[in-house]
């Protein structure tokens, strides 16, 4: 018999998902590699048809963030103060985690499904980071597929960058996240 959802206190997982938010501003503190490893291990439980693990993550800190900023400038037509501002974008967080879809040869699992699995890892990781007390925001942008940005990440021909998780501490003066609720009836249809 399926569990009833009537008069049930929402689970911790439900609360975490229902309260999920992005943090566009974070502090200069970030999780260490040792703190990240168990979170990545848990995020790897994402749905993964064929167990291909069609993804990888890259930590960018310090000088790597500056190289990414330089790649943004190289991929743009910006100069002067615009270029300086663009180069500083990766520096908005002390840690960026690049999310890379690794498209593996498969007769059963299409590229789009492998990309979906990689995106699932990124989303689960943001939930896990939040649960561990860190702020995160998934950012993409116009340069995510630029040659200079691909080069900084050392991407192979079968890989696509899906963006970066900007990660840091949650500011003490952070305002609560605001997201309009949906009417789930509008989004859950019956066929």
N, C-alpha and C. Protein backbone atom coordinates (compact mmCIF):
# COMPACT_ATOMS: atom_id res chain seq x y z
N UNK A 1 0.84 -1.17 0.00
CA UNK A 1 0.00 0.00 0.00
C UNK A 1 0.89 1.24 0.00
N UNK A 2 0.68 2.21 -0.92
CA UNK A 2 1.52 3.41 -0.96
C UNK A 2 1.33 4.28 0.27
N UNK A 3 2.37 5.01 0.64
CA UNK A 3 2.24 5.88 1.81
C UNK A 3 1.25 7.00 1.53
N UNK A 4 0.55 7.40 2.55
CA UNK A 4 -0.41 8.50 2.44
C UNK A 4 0.31 9.81 2.71
N UNK A 5 -0.07 10.85 1.98
CA UNK A 5 0.53 12.17 2.21
C UNK A 5 -0.41 13.08 2.98
N UNK A 6 -1.56 12.55 3.38
CA UNK A 6 -2.52 13.35 4.14
C UNK A 6 -2.06 13.44 5.58
N UNK A 7 -2.00 14.66 6.10
CA UNK A 7 -1.65 14.91 7.50
C UNK A 7 -0.28 14.36 7.89
N UNK A 8 0.65 14.39 6.95
CA UNK A 8 2.00 13.92 7.24
C UNK A 8 2.92 15.14 7.34
N UNK A 9 3.79 15.15 8.35
CA UNK A 9 4.77 16.22 8.49
C UNK A 9 5.79 16.06 7.36
N UNK A 10 6.05 17.16 6.61
CA UNK A 10 7.01 17.05 5.50
C UNK A 10 8.37 16.55 5.98
N UNK A 11 8.99 15.72 5.18
CA UNK A 11 10.30 15.17 5.51
C UNK A 11 11.38 16.24 5.38
N UNK A 12 12.55 15.91 5.88
CA UNK A 12 13.70 16.82 5.76
C UNK A 12 14.04 17.04 4.29
N UNK A 13 13.91 16.02 3.47
CA UNK A 13 14.20 16.16 2.04
C UNK A 13 13.21 17.12 1.41
N UNK A 14 11.92 16.94 1.72
CA UNK A 14 10.90 17.85 1.20
C UNK A 14 11.20 19.29 1.61
N UNK A 15 11.52 19.49 2.87
CA UNK A 15 11.82 20.85 3.36
C UNK A 15 13.03 21.44 2.64
N UNK A 16 14.07 20.63 2.44
CA UNK A 16 15.27 21.12 1.76
C UNK A 16 14.95 21.55 0.33
N UNK A 17 14.18 20.74 -0.37
CA UNK A 17 13.84 21.06 -1.75
C UNK A 17 12.90 22.26 -1.80
N UNK A 18 11.92 22.28 -0.91
CA UNK A 18 10.91 23.34 -0.91
C UNK A 18 11.51 24.70 -0.52
N UNK A 19 12.59 24.68 0.24
CA UNK A 19 13.22 25.94 0.68
C UNK A 19 14.47 26.28 -0.11
N UNK A 20 14.77 25.52 -1.16
CA UNK A 20 15.96 25.75 -1.95
C UNK A 20 15.99 27.17 -2.50
N UNK A 21 17.16 27.75 -2.49
CA UNK A 21 17.33 29.08 -3.07
C UNK A 21 18.75 29.23 -3.56
N UNK A 22 18.94 30.20 -4.43
CA UNK A 22 20.27 30.53 -4.92
C UNK A 22 20.80 31.71 -4.12
N UNK A 23 22.10 31.73 -3.91
CA UNK A 23 22.76 32.83 -3.21
C UNK A 23 23.65 33.55 -4.20
N UNK A 24 23.19 34.72 -4.66
CA UNK A 24 23.98 35.47 -5.65
C UNK A 24 25.20 36.13 -5.02
N UNK A 25 25.17 36.34 -3.72
CA UNK A 25 26.33 36.89 -3.01
C UNK A 25 26.69 35.93 -1.90
N UNK A 26 27.98 35.64 -1.81
CA UNK A 26 28.49 34.75 -0.77
C UNK A 26 29.72 35.38 -0.13
N UNK A 27 30.12 34.84 1.01
CA UNK A 27 31.30 35.35 1.70
C UNK A 27 32.56 34.70 1.13
N UNK A 28 33.70 35.10 1.66
CA UNK A 28 35.00 34.62 1.17
C UNK A 28 35.36 33.23 1.68
N UNK A 29 34.50 32.63 2.48
CA UNK A 29 34.78 31.28 2.99
C UNK A 29 34.13 30.25 2.08
N UNK A 30 34.80 29.11 1.92
CA UNK A 30 34.27 28.06 1.06
C UNK A 30 34.63 26.70 1.65
N UNK A 31 33.88 25.68 1.28
CA UNK A 31 34.22 24.35 1.77
C UNK A 31 35.58 23.89 1.23
N UNK A 32 36.25 23.12 2.03
CA UNK A 32 37.53 22.55 1.60
C UNK A 32 37.27 21.37 0.66
N UNK A 33 38.31 20.90 0.04
CA UNK A 33 38.18 19.72 -0.82
C UNK A 33 37.69 18.53 0.01
N UNK A 34 38.22 18.39 1.22
CA UNK A 34 37.81 17.28 2.08
C UNK A 34 36.33 17.38 2.43
N UNK A 35 35.82 18.59 2.59
CA UNK A 35 34.39 18.77 2.87
C UNK A 35 33.54 18.51 1.63
N UNK A 36 34.09 18.80 0.44
CA UNK A 36 33.35 18.59 -0.81
C UNK A 36 33.21 17.12 -1.19
N UNK A 37 34.23 16.34 -0.93
CA UNK A 37 34.26 14.95 -1.42
C UNK A 37 33.04 14.12 -1.02
N UNK A 38 32.61 14.13 0.25
CA UNK A 38 31.42 13.33 0.57
C UNK A 38 30.15 13.87 -0.09
N UNK A 39 30.08 15.18 -0.31
CA UNK A 39 28.92 15.76 -0.98
C UNK A 39 28.87 15.32 -2.44
N UNK A 40 30.03 15.31 -3.09
CA UNK A 40 30.10 14.84 -4.48
C UNK A 40 29.74 13.35 -4.54
N UNK A 41 30.21 12.58 -3.57
CA UNK A 41 29.87 11.16 -3.52
C UNK A 41 28.36 10.94 -3.41
N UNK A 42 27.70 11.75 -2.60
CA UNK A 42 26.25 11.64 -2.46
C UNK A 42 25.53 12.11 -3.72
N UNK A 43 26.00 13.19 -4.32
CA UNK A 43 25.38 13.70 -5.55
C UNK A 43 25.48 12.70 -6.69
N UNK A 44 26.47 11.84 -6.62
CA UNK A 44 26.65 10.82 -7.66
C UNK A 44 25.54 9.78 -7.67
N UNK A 45 24.64 9.84 -6.70
CA UNK A 45 23.50 8.92 -6.65
C UNK A 45 22.39 9.35 -7.60
N UNK A 46 22.64 10.38 -8.39
CA UNK A 46 21.66 10.90 -9.34
C UNK A 46 21.23 9.79 -10.31
N UNK A 47 20.03 9.93 -10.89
CA UNK A 47 19.59 8.99 -11.92
C UNK A 47 20.62 8.97 -13.04
N UNK A 48 21.04 7.78 -13.42
CA UNK A 48 22.12 7.64 -14.39
C UNK A 48 21.91 6.37 -15.20
N UNK A 49 21.11 6.46 -16.24
CA UNK A 49 20.79 5.31 -17.09
C UNK A 49 22.09 4.71 -17.64
N UNK A 50 22.27 3.43 -17.42
CA UNK A 50 23.46 2.75 -17.91
C UNK A 50 24.67 2.89 -17.00
N UNK A 51 24.51 3.59 -15.87
CA UNK A 51 25.62 3.82 -14.93
C UNK A 51 26.86 4.34 -15.67
N UNK A 52 26.66 5.28 -16.59
CA UNK A 52 27.77 5.81 -17.38
C UNK A 52 28.59 6.86 -16.63
N UNK A 53 28.00 7.44 -15.59
CA UNK A 53 28.62 8.57 -14.89
C UNK A 53 29.12 9.59 -15.91
N UNK A 54 28.19 10.15 -16.68
CA UNK A 54 28.57 11.04 -17.79
C UNK A 54 28.80 12.49 -17.34
N UNK A 55 29.64 12.65 -16.35
CA UNK A 55 29.88 13.98 -15.82
C UNK A 55 31.20 13.99 -15.07
N UNK A 56 31.69 15.17 -14.88
CA UNK A 56 32.81 15.38 -13.96
C UNK A 56 32.71 16.81 -13.45
N UNK A 57 33.35 17.07 -12.34
CA UNK A 57 33.34 18.38 -11.70
C UNK A 57 34.77 18.87 -11.57
N UNK A 58 34.96 20.18 -11.71
CA UNK A 58 36.28 20.79 -11.56
C UNK A 58 36.21 21.88 -10.50
N UNK A 59 37.12 21.85 -9.54
CA UNK A 59 37.23 22.91 -8.54
C UNK A 59 38.05 24.06 -9.12
N UNK A 60 37.55 25.26 -9.03
CA UNK A 60 38.32 26.44 -9.42
C UNK A 60 38.43 27.35 -8.21
N UNK A 61 39.66 27.63 -7.82
CA UNK A 61 39.94 28.52 -6.69
C UNK A 61 41.13 29.39 -7.07
N UNK A 62 41.26 30.53 -6.42
CA UNK A 62 42.43 31.38 -6.57
C UNK A 62 42.79 31.72 -8.01
N UNK A 63 43.99 31.33 -8.42
CA UNK A 63 44.51 31.67 -9.74
C UNK A 63 43.66 31.09 -10.87
N UNK A 64 43.03 29.95 -10.63
CA UNK A 64 42.16 29.36 -11.65
C UNK A 64 40.97 30.27 -11.94
N UNK A 65 40.48 30.98 -10.92
CA UNK A 65 39.38 31.93 -11.12
C UNK A 65 39.84 33.10 -11.99
N UNK A 66 41.07 33.53 -11.78
CA UNK A 66 41.62 34.62 -12.60
C UNK A 66 41.80 34.18 -14.05
N UNK A 67 42.25 32.94 -14.25
CA UNK A 67 42.38 32.42 -15.62
C UNK A 67 41.02 32.34 -16.32
N UNK A 68 39.99 31.96 -15.56
CA UNK A 68 38.65 31.91 -16.13
C UNK A 68 38.19 33.32 -16.51
N UNK A 69 38.45 34.29 -15.66
CA UNK A 69 38.10 35.67 -15.98
C UNK A 69 38.80 36.15 -17.24
N UNK A 70 40.06 35.80 -17.40
CA UNK A 70 40.81 36.16 -18.61
C UNK A 70 40.20 35.48 -19.84
N UNK A 71 39.73 34.25 -19.68
CA UNK A 71 39.08 33.54 -20.79
C UNK A 71 37.76 34.22 -21.17
N UNK A 72 37.03 34.71 -20.17
CA UNK A 72 35.80 35.46 -20.46
C UNK A 72 36.12 36.68 -21.33
N UNK A 73 37.17 37.40 -20.96
CA UNK A 73 37.57 38.58 -21.71
C UNK A 73 38.01 38.20 -23.12
N UNK A 74 38.80 37.13 -23.23
CA UNK A 74 39.27 36.68 -24.54
C UNK A 74 38.10 36.28 -25.45
N UNK A 75 37.04 35.75 -24.86
CA UNK A 75 35.87 35.30 -25.63
C UNK A 75 34.92 36.45 -25.97
N UNK A 76 35.18 37.62 -25.42
CA UNK A 76 34.28 38.76 -25.64
C UNK A 76 34.97 39.81 -26.50
N UNK A 77 34.23 40.84 -26.80
CA UNK A 77 34.79 41.98 -27.52
C UNK A 77 35.03 43.14 -26.56
N UNK A 78 35.00 42.85 -25.27
CA UNK A 78 35.14 43.89 -24.24
C UNK A 78 36.56 44.43 -24.16
N UNK A 79 36.62 45.71 -23.81
CA UNK A 79 37.91 46.36 -23.56
C UNK A 79 37.75 47.32 -22.39
N UNK A 80 38.88 47.75 -21.85
CA UNK A 80 38.88 48.76 -20.80
C UNK A 80 38.14 48.32 -19.56
N UNK A 81 37.31 49.23 -19.02
CA UNK A 81 36.61 48.95 -17.76
C UNK A 81 35.62 47.80 -17.90
N UNK A 82 35.04 47.63 -19.09
CA UNK A 82 34.13 46.49 -19.32
C UNK A 82 34.88 45.18 -19.18
N UNK A 83 36.10 45.12 -19.71
CA UNK A 83 36.91 43.92 -19.63
C UNK A 83 37.31 43.63 -18.19
N UNK A 84 37.64 44.68 -17.43
CA UNK A 84 38.01 44.51 -16.02
C UNK A 84 36.82 43.93 -15.24
N UNK A 85 35.63 44.47 -15.50
CA UNK A 85 34.42 43.99 -14.83
C UNK A 85 34.15 42.53 -15.19
N UNK A 86 34.27 42.20 -16.46
CA UNK A 86 34.03 40.84 -16.93
C UNK A 86 35.04 39.87 -16.33
N UNK A 87 36.30 40.27 -16.27
CA UNK A 87 37.35 39.41 -15.69
C UNK A 87 37.10 39.13 -14.22
N UNK A 88 36.40 40.04 -13.55
CA UNK A 88 36.13 39.87 -12.12
C UNK A 88 34.93 38.99 -11.80
N UNK A 89 34.15 38.63 -12.80
CA UNK A 89 32.94 37.84 -12.53
C UNK A 89 33.21 36.52 -11.81
N UNK A 90 34.22 35.76 -12.20
CA UNK A 90 34.48 34.51 -11.47
C UNK A 90 34.94 34.73 -10.03
N UNK A 91 35.35 35.94 -9.71
CA UNK A 91 35.86 36.24 -8.37
C UNK A 91 34.74 36.56 -7.38
N UNK A 92 33.48 36.44 -7.81
CA UNK A 92 32.35 36.73 -6.92
C UNK A 92 32.17 35.66 -5.86
N UNK A 93 32.87 34.53 -6.00
CA UNK A 93 32.82 33.47 -4.99
C UNK A 93 34.22 32.88 -4.85
N UNK A 94 34.57 32.39 -3.67
CA UNK A 94 35.91 31.82 -3.49
C UNK A 94 36.09 30.46 -4.14
N UNK A 95 34.97 29.81 -4.48
CA UNK A 95 35.02 28.49 -5.10
C UNK A 95 33.99 28.42 -6.22
N UNK A 96 34.44 28.01 -7.38
CA UNK A 96 33.53 27.67 -8.47
C UNK A 96 33.71 26.19 -8.73
N UNK A 97 32.61 25.52 -8.95
CA UNK A 97 32.65 24.11 -9.33
C UNK A 97 32.08 24.03 -10.73
N UNK A 98 32.96 23.75 -11.69
CA UNK A 98 32.53 23.60 -13.09
C UNK A 98 31.82 22.27 -13.24
N UNK A 99 30.67 22.30 -13.89
CA UNK A 99 29.88 21.09 -14.14
C UNK A 99 30.07 20.72 -15.61
N UNK A 100 30.66 19.56 -15.84
CA UNK A 100 30.99 19.13 -17.19
C UNK A 100 30.20 17.86 -17.53
N UNK A 101 29.46 17.93 -18.63
CA UNK A 101 28.80 16.74 -19.16
C UNK A 101 29.81 15.99 -20.01
N UNK A 102 30.01 14.74 -19.69
CA UNK A 102 30.96 13.89 -20.43
C UNK A 102 30.13 12.89 -21.23
N UNK A 103 30.01 13.14 -22.51
CA UNK A 103 29.16 12.31 -23.36
C UNK A 103 29.91 11.04 -23.74
N UNK A 104 29.43 9.93 -23.20
CA UNK A 104 30.06 8.64 -23.43
C UNK A 104 29.37 7.91 -24.59
N UNK A 105 30.15 7.17 -25.35
CA UNK A 105 29.57 6.40 -26.46
C UNK A 105 28.62 5.36 -25.90
N UNK A 106 27.38 5.38 -26.38
CA UNK A 106 26.38 4.43 -25.90
C UNK A 106 25.30 4.26 -26.95
N UNK A 107 24.91 3.02 -27.18
CA UNK A 107 23.79 2.72 -28.08
C UNK A 107 22.45 2.92 -27.38
N UNK A 108 22.47 2.95 -26.05
CA UNK A 108 21.23 3.02 -25.28
C UNK A 108 20.93 4.38 -24.66
N UNK A 109 21.98 5.15 -24.41
CA UNK A 109 21.79 6.40 -23.67
C UNK A 109 22.20 7.58 -24.54
N UNK A 110 21.22 8.37 -24.96
CA UNK A 110 21.46 9.52 -25.84
C UNK A 110 22.23 10.62 -25.11
N UNK A 111 22.86 11.49 -25.88
CA UNK A 111 23.62 12.60 -25.30
C UNK A 111 22.76 13.46 -24.38
N UNK A 112 21.52 13.76 -24.81
CA UNK A 112 20.67 14.62 -23.98
C UNK A 112 20.42 13.99 -22.62
N UNK A 113 20.30 12.66 -22.57
CA UNK A 113 20.05 11.98 -21.31
C UNK A 113 21.29 12.03 -20.42
N UNK A 114 22.46 11.96 -21.04
CA UNK A 114 23.70 12.07 -20.29
C UNK A 114 23.86 13.49 -19.74
N UNK A 115 23.50 14.49 -20.55
CA UNK A 115 23.53 15.88 -20.08
C UNK A 115 22.58 16.07 -18.90
N UNK A 116 21.41 15.43 -18.97
CA UNK A 116 20.43 15.54 -17.88
C UNK A 116 20.99 14.95 -16.59
N UNK A 117 21.72 13.86 -16.69
CA UNK A 117 22.34 13.27 -15.52
C UNK A 117 23.37 14.21 -14.91
N UNK A 118 24.19 14.84 -15.75
CA UNK A 118 25.18 15.81 -15.27
C UNK A 118 24.49 16.99 -14.60
N UNK A 119 23.40 17.46 -15.19
CA UNK A 119 22.64 18.57 -14.59
C UNK A 119 22.05 18.13 -13.25
N UNK A 120 21.63 16.87 -13.16
CA UNK A 120 21.11 16.36 -11.90
C UNK A 120 22.15 16.36 -10.80
N UNK A 121 23.38 16.01 -11.15
CA UNK A 121 24.47 16.06 -10.17
C UNK A 121 24.64 17.48 -9.66
N UNK A 122 24.63 18.45 -10.57
CA UNK A 122 24.79 19.85 -10.17
C UNK A 122 23.69 20.28 -9.21
N UNK A 123 22.46 19.92 -9.54
CA UNK A 123 21.34 20.33 -8.68
C UNK A 123 21.41 19.65 -7.32
N UNK A 124 21.67 18.35 -7.30
CA UNK A 124 21.80 17.67 -6.02
C UNK A 124 22.94 18.27 -5.19
N UNK A 125 24.02 18.62 -5.86
CA UNK A 125 25.15 19.21 -5.13
C UNK A 125 24.77 20.55 -4.52
N UNK A 126 23.96 21.35 -5.21
CA UNK A 126 23.53 22.63 -4.60
C UNK A 126 22.69 22.36 -3.35
N UNK A 127 21.83 21.35 -3.39
CA UNK A 127 21.03 21.01 -2.21
C UNK A 127 21.92 20.52 -1.07
N UNK A 128 22.90 19.70 -1.39
CA UNK A 128 23.81 19.18 -0.37
C UNK A 128 24.67 20.30 0.23
N UNK A 129 25.13 21.21 -0.62
CA UNK A 129 25.91 22.35 -0.11
C UNK A 129 25.06 23.19 0.83
N UNK A 130 23.81 23.43 0.46
CA UNK A 130 22.90 24.20 1.31
C UNK A 130 22.72 23.49 2.65
N UNK A 131 22.51 22.19 2.60
CA UNK A 131 22.32 21.42 3.82
C UNK A 131 23.55 21.49 4.72
N UNK A 132 24.74 21.62 4.11
CA UNK A 132 25.98 21.72 4.88
C UNK A 132 26.27 23.15 5.33
N UNK A 133 25.38 24.08 4.99
CA UNK A 133 25.53 25.46 5.46
C UNK A 133 26.22 26.40 4.50
N UNK A 134 26.38 26.00 3.25
CA UNK A 134 27.04 26.84 2.25
C UNK A 134 26.02 27.45 1.29
N UNK A 135 26.36 28.61 0.78
CA UNK A 135 25.53 29.23 -0.23
C UNK A 135 26.05 28.86 -1.61
N UNK A 136 25.15 28.64 -2.54
CA UNK A 136 25.57 28.28 -3.90
C UNK A 136 24.59 28.86 -4.91
N UNK A 137 25.12 29.12 -6.09
CA UNK A 137 24.30 29.58 -7.21
C UNK A 137 24.87 28.99 -8.48
N UNK A 138 24.01 28.39 -9.29
CA UNK A 138 24.41 27.83 -10.57
C UNK A 138 24.34 28.94 -11.60
N UNK A 139 25.47 29.24 -12.21
CA UNK A 139 25.54 30.30 -13.22
C UNK A 139 26.01 29.71 -14.55
N UNK A 140 25.49 30.29 -15.60
CA UNK A 140 25.93 29.91 -16.95
C UNK A 140 26.42 31.19 -17.62
N UNK A 141 25.83 31.58 -18.71
CA UNK A 141 26.21 32.83 -19.36
C UNK A 141 26.65 32.62 -20.80
N UNK A 142 26.91 33.72 -21.48
CA UNK A 142 27.20 33.65 -22.92
C UNK A 142 28.54 33.00 -23.27
N UNK A 143 29.43 32.81 -22.31
CA UNK A 143 30.76 32.28 -22.63
C UNK A 143 30.94 30.82 -22.25
N UNK A 144 29.88 30.18 -21.78
CA UNK A 144 29.99 28.80 -21.30
C UNK A 144 30.49 27.85 -22.41
N UNK A 145 30.20 28.17 -23.68
CA UNK A 145 30.64 27.30 -24.78
C UNK A 145 31.75 27.93 -25.62
N UNK A 146 32.33 29.03 -25.15
CA UNK A 146 33.39 29.71 -25.90
C UNK A 146 34.68 28.89 -25.89
N UNK A 147 35.42 28.97 -26.98
CA UNK A 147 36.66 28.19 -27.14
C UNK A 147 37.66 28.50 -26.02
N UNK A 148 37.82 29.78 -25.67
CA UNK A 148 38.78 30.14 -24.63
C UNK A 148 38.39 29.56 -23.28
N UNK A 149 37.11 29.51 -23.01
CA UNK A 149 36.61 28.95 -21.74
C UNK A 149 36.76 27.43 -21.75
N UNK A 150 36.47 26.80 -22.89
CA UNK A 150 36.69 25.35 -23.02
C UNK A 150 38.16 25.01 -22.75
N UNK A 151 39.05 25.83 -23.29
CA UNK A 151 40.48 25.57 -23.13
C UNK A 151 40.92 25.66 -21.67
N UNK A 152 40.42 26.66 -20.94
CA UNK A 152 40.77 26.80 -19.53
C UNK A 152 40.37 25.55 -18.75
N UNK A 153 39.26 24.96 -19.11
CA UNK A 153 38.77 23.78 -18.41
C UNK A 153 39.35 22.47 -18.94
N UNK A 154 40.11 22.54 -20.02
CA UNK A 154 40.71 21.34 -20.59
C UNK A 154 39.68 20.34 -21.08
N UNK A 155 38.61 20.84 -21.71
CA UNK A 155 37.54 19.95 -22.15
C UNK A 155 37.93 19.15 -23.38
N UNK A 156 37.53 17.91 -23.40
CA UNK A 156 37.73 17.03 -24.55
C UNK A 156 36.59 17.24 -25.54
N UNK A 157 36.72 16.69 -26.72
CA UNK A 157 35.70 16.85 -27.77
C UNK A 157 34.34 16.32 -27.34
N UNK A 158 34.30 15.32 -26.47
CA UNK A 158 33.05 14.72 -26.04
C UNK A 158 32.48 15.36 -24.77
N UNK A 159 32.99 16.54 -24.41
CA UNK A 159 32.57 17.19 -23.17
C UNK A 159 31.95 18.56 -23.45
N UNK A 160 30.96 18.91 -22.64
CA UNK A 160 30.32 20.22 -22.70
C UNK A 160 30.24 20.80 -21.30
N UNK A 161 30.58 22.06 -21.17
CA UNK A 161 30.48 22.76 -19.90
C UNK A 161 29.03 23.19 -19.70
N UNK A 162 28.45 22.84 -18.57
CA UNK A 162 27.06 23.20 -18.27
C UNK A 162 26.96 24.41 -17.35
N UNK A 163 28.08 24.95 -16.94
CA UNK A 163 28.08 26.12 -16.07
C UNK A 163 28.90 25.85 -14.82
N UNK A 164 28.75 26.75 -13.86
CA UNK A 164 29.53 26.69 -12.62
C UNK A 164 28.62 26.88 -11.43
N UNK A 165 28.94 26.17 -10.36
CA UNK A 165 28.32 26.45 -9.07
C UNK A 165 29.24 27.43 -8.36
N UNK A 166 28.74 28.62 -8.09
CA UNK A 166 29.48 29.61 -7.32
C UNK A 166 29.17 29.30 -5.85
N UNK A 167 30.21 29.03 -5.05
CA UNK A 167 30.02 28.53 -3.70
C UNK A 167 30.80 29.38 -2.70
N UNK A 168 30.17 29.68 -1.57
CA UNK A 168 30.82 30.40 -0.49
C UNK A 168 29.94 30.38 0.75
N UNK A 169 30.36 31.14 1.73
CA UNK A 169 29.58 31.24 2.95
C UNK A 169 28.32 32.07 2.72
N UNK A 170 27.33 31.85 3.57
CA UNK A 170 26.09 32.62 3.49
C UNK A 170 26.27 33.88 4.32
N UNK A 171 26.10 35.06 3.72
CA UNK A 171 26.26 36.30 4.47
C UNK A 171 25.28 36.40 5.63
N UNK A 172 25.74 36.98 6.74
CA UNK A 172 24.90 37.12 7.93
C UNK A 172 23.67 37.99 7.65
N UNK A 173 23.83 38.97 6.76
CA UNK A 173 22.72 39.89 6.47
C UNK A 173 21.90 39.46 5.26
N UNK A 174 22.00 38.19 4.90
CA UNK A 174 21.31 37.67 3.73
C UNK A 174 19.80 37.70 3.94
N UNK A 175 19.11 38.24 2.96
CA UNK A 175 17.65 38.29 3.03
C UNK A 175 17.09 36.92 2.63
N UNK A 176 15.92 36.58 3.14
CA UNK A 176 15.32 35.29 2.74
C UNK A 176 15.08 35.24 1.24
N UNK A 177 15.22 34.07 0.69
CA UNK A 177 14.96 33.89 -0.73
C UNK A 177 13.48 34.05 -1.03
N UNK A 178 13.18 34.68 -2.14
CA UNK A 178 11.79 34.87 -2.53
C UNK A 178 11.57 34.17 -3.86
N UNK A 179 10.66 33.27 -3.87
CA UNK A 179 10.29 32.58 -5.09
C UNK A 179 8.78 32.41 -5.06
N UNK A 180 8.14 32.84 -6.11
CA UNK A 180 6.70 32.71 -6.16
C UNK A 180 6.31 31.24 -6.20
N UNK A 181 5.32 30.90 -5.42
CA UNK A 181 4.83 29.53 -5.43
C UNK A 181 4.07 29.29 -6.73
N UNK A 182 4.03 28.04 -7.12
CA UNK A 182 3.27 27.67 -8.31
C UNK A 182 2.01 26.94 -7.89
N UNK A 183 1.07 26.87 -8.78
CA UNK A 183 -0.08 26.00 -8.60
C UNK A 183 0.30 24.69 -9.28
N UNK A 184 0.60 23.64 -8.52
CA UNK A 184 1.09 22.41 -9.14
C UNK A 184 0.11 21.79 -10.12
N UNK A 185 -1.17 22.11 -9.99
CA UNK A 185 -2.17 21.58 -10.92
C UNK A 185 -1.89 22.07 -12.34
N UNK A 186 -1.31 23.27 -12.45
CA UNK A 186 -0.99 23.81 -13.78
C UNK A 186 0.18 23.08 -14.44
N UNK A 187 1.01 22.41 -13.64
CA UNK A 187 2.22 21.80 -14.16
C UNK A 187 2.19 20.28 -14.15
N UNK A 188 1.20 19.69 -13.48
CA UNK A 188 1.06 18.24 -13.45
C UNK A 188 -0.23 17.88 -14.19
N UNK A 189 -0.03 17.46 -15.41
CA UNK A 189 -1.17 17.14 -16.26
C UNK A 189 -1.39 15.64 -16.29
N UNK A 190 -2.55 15.25 -16.75
CA UNK A 190 -2.89 13.84 -16.92
C UNK A 190 -2.99 13.57 -18.40
N UNK A 191 -2.36 12.54 -18.86
CA UNK A 191 -2.41 12.19 -20.30
C UNK A 191 -3.51 11.18 -20.53
